[in-house]
Amino acid sequence: MPKVGKNDHARKDELPSTLQRSDQKAQDTFAKTYDSAMESYDDDSGRAARTAFSALKHSYEKVGDHWEPKEERGPSDERAEEGVESNKPTAGGVNANASKGHLYQRAKEMDIKGRSKMDKNQLVEALQKANDAATRKAREG
């Protein structure tokens, strides 16, 4: 996993693929948190990665195969609100705490069919599926 290197930037090739396709600030946020967590958690890479993604989700949301800055900072779902030890399900990077209008707009950008009839929870689920599909496609291609 990443180490913050020269000029305090993460080595891109050590980051998860979705972060490799994201802006430098997202990469650095993940890498710095990951490195710090590795020191704190005595080399527990799984816990460090969960902590780093949790930190990332406070400022970024997953859109397709990459991460984009959120309109407002804050936890993205119930799991993020409770912390890394939570047993609540994650929204997979979708900003589930955003307004239904925001989620609808993201669904429109991703051309999700049937979005106009979906409630907020259905939009979150549809966005998760669309993000997962976009990430798979990007990794294959």
Protein backbone atom coordinates (compact mmCIF):
# COMPACT_ATOMS: atom_id res chain seq x y z
CA MET A 1 0.00 0.00 0.00
CA PRO A 2 0.99 3.64 -0.34
CA LYS A 3 3.74 5.57 1.28
CA VAL A 4 3.81 9.33 0.97
CA GLY A 5 7.00 10.06 -0.89
CA LYS A 6 8.85 12.83 -2.63
CA ASN A 7 7.14 16.22 -2.26
CA ASP A 8 4.61 14.64 0.15
CA HIS A 9 2.71 12.95 -2.69
CA ALA A 10 1.58 9.35 -2.75
CA ARG A 11 3.20 6.92 -5.16
CA LYS A 12 0.37 6.48 -7.61
CA ASP A 13 1.19 2.86 -8.49
CA GLU A 14 0.76 1.83 -4.83
CA LEU A 15 -2.77 3.23 -4.52
CA PRO A 16 -6.05 1.38 -5.11
CA SER A 17 -7.05 1.71 -8.77
CA THR A 18 -9.97 4.03 -8.07
CA LEU A 19 -7.58 6.47 -6.42
CA GLN A 20 -5.10 6.21 -9.29
CA ARG A 21 -7.84 7.77 -11.44
CA SER A 22 -8.59 10.51 -8.87
CA ASP A 23 -7.05 13.89 -8.17
CA GLN A 24 -3.80 14.36 -6.24
CA LYS A 25 -5.54 15.61 -3.09
CA ALA A 26 -7.66 12.45 -2.87
CA GLN A 27 -4.53 10.34 -3.37
CA ASP A 28 -2.62 12.23 -0.69
CA THR A 29 -5.53 12.10 1.78
CA PHE A 30 -5.71 8.33 1.46
CA ALA A 31 -1.95 7.76 1.54
CA LYS A 32 -1.23 9.99 4.54
CA THR A 33 -4.06 8.47 6.55
CA TYR A 34 -3.02 4.96 5.55
CA ASP A 35 0.61 5.53 6.54
CA SER A 36 -0.40 7.03 9.88
CA ALA A 37 -2.83 4.20 10.57
CA MET A 38 -0.18 1.58 9.76
CA GLU A 39 2.00 3.08 12.48
CA SER A 40 -0.89 3.33 14.95
CA TYR A 41 -2.36 -0.11 14.32
CA ASP A 42 0.92 -1.99 14.46
CA ASP A 43 1.10 -2.90 10.77
CA ASP A 44 -2.55 -4.03 10.39
CA SER A 45 -2.99 -3.25 6.67
CA GLY A 46 -6.69 -4.14 6.59
CA ARG A 47 -7.56 -1.78 9.40
CA ALA A 48 -5.29 0.91 7.97
CA ALA A 49 -7.03 0.69 4.58
CA ARG A 50 -10.48 0.93 6.21
CA THR A 51 -9.34 3.97 8.17
CA ALA A 52 -7.90 5.62 5.05
CA PHE A 53 -11.08 5.04 3.03
CA SER A 54 -13.12 6.41 5.93
CA ALA A 55 -11.03 9.60 5.95
CA LEU A 56 -11.31 9.88 2.17
CA LYS A 57 -15.11 9.55 2.28
CA HIS A 58 -15.39 12.63 4.49
CA SER A 59 -14.19 14.82 1.61
CA TYR A 60 -14.78 12.68 -1.49
CA GLU A 61 -17.48 10.51 -3.01
CA LYS A 62 -17.04 7.70 -5.48
CA VAL A 63 -18.35 8.57 -8.92
CA GLY A 64 -18.00 5.75 -11.41
CA ASP A 65 -14.40 4.53 -11.37
CA HIS A 66 -12.84 7.41 -9.37
CA TRP A 67 -13.31 9.79 -6.44
CA GLU A 68 -14.57 13.39 -6.72
CA PRO A 69 -14.71 16.14 -4.07
CA LYS A 70 -17.98 16.33 -2.16
CA GLU A 71 -19.98 19.55 -2.02
CA GLU A 72 -19.84 19.44 1.79
CA ARG A 73 -17.41 17.62 4.07
CA GLY A 74 -18.78 15.03 6.46
CA PRO A 75 -19.54 11.34 6.86
CA SER A 76 -20.94 9.68 3.75
CA ASP A 77 -23.07 6.99 5.41
CA GLU A 78 -24.05 5.50 8.79
CA ARG A 79 -20.87 3.44 8.95
CA ALA A 80 -18.72 6.53 8.46
CA GLU A 81 -20.70 8.35 11.16
CA GLU A 82 -19.95 5.57 13.67
CA GLY A 83 -16.31 4.99 12.70
CA VAL A 84 -14.21 2.09 11.44
CA GLU A 85 -15.41 -0.29 14.15
CA SER A 86 -19.05 0.07 13.03
CA ASN A 87 -20.89 -2.99 11.82
CA LYS A 88 -23.31 -0.92 9.72
CA PRO A 89 -23.11 -1.50 5.97
CA THR A 90 -21.05 0.90 3.90
CA ALA A 91 -22.47 2.73 0.90
CA GLY A 92 -19.27 1.93 -0.99
CA GLY A 93 -18.21 5.53 -1.44
CA VAL A 94 -21.64 6.80 -2.47
CA ASN A 95 -22.51 9.89 -0.44
CA ALA A 96 -25.65 8.37 1.11
CA ASN A 97 -26.01 11.39 3.41
CA ALA A 98 -26.40 13.73 0.43
CA SER A 99 -29.81 14.99 -0.60
CA LYS A 100 -32.04 12.94 -2.85
CA GLY A 101 -31.59 15.66 -5.47
CA HIS A 102 -27.82 15.24 -5.40
CA LEU A 103 -28.11 11.47 -5.67
CA TYR A 104 -30.58 11.85 -8.54
CA GLN A 105 -28.13 14.17 -10.35
CA ARG A 106 -25.32 11.61 -9.93
CA ALA A 107 -27.66 8.89 -11.23
CA LYS A 108 -28.47 11.09 -14.23
CA GLU A 109 -24.76 11.66 -14.92
CA MET A 110 -24.24 7.89 -14.85
CA ASP A 111 -27.32 7.27 -17.03
CA ILE A 112 -29.02 5.00 -14.49
CA LYS A 113 -32.33 3.84 -15.91
CA GLY A 114 -35.49 4.25 -13.81
CA ARG A 115 -33.90 6.87 -11.56
CA SER A 116 -36.95 9.16 -11.61
CA LYS A 117 -39.04 6.51 -9.81
CA MET A 118 -36.40 5.64 -7.19
CA ASP A 119 -36.45 6.69 -3.56
CA LYS A 120 -33.25 7.82 -1.85
CA ASN A 121 -32.18 4.33 -0.72
CA GLN A 122 -32.79 2.91 -4.19
CA LEU A 123 -30.67 5.69 -5.71
CA VAL A 124 -27.82 4.86 -3.30
CA GLU A 125 -28.01 1.16 -4.23
CA ALA A 126 -28.19 1.92 -7.97
CA LEU A 127 -25.18 4.26 -7.70
CA GLN A 128 -23.20 1.61 -5.81
CA LYS A 129 -23.90 -0.93 -8.56
CA ALA A 130 -23.04 1.57 -11.31
CA ASN A 131 -19.81 2.55 -9.52
CA ASP A 132 -18.82 -1.10 -9.10
CA ALA A 133 -19.50 -1.79 -12.79
CA ALA A 134 -17.48 1.27 -13.87
CA THR A 135 -14.58 0.23 -11.64
CA ARG A 136 -14.62 -3.33 -13.03
CA LYS A 137 -14.65 -1.96 -16.58
CA ALA A 138 -11.77 0.42 -15.88
CA ARG A 139 -9.68 -2.39 -14.36
CA GLU A 140 -10.29 -4.64 -17.38
CA GLY A 141 -9.57 -1.99 -19.95
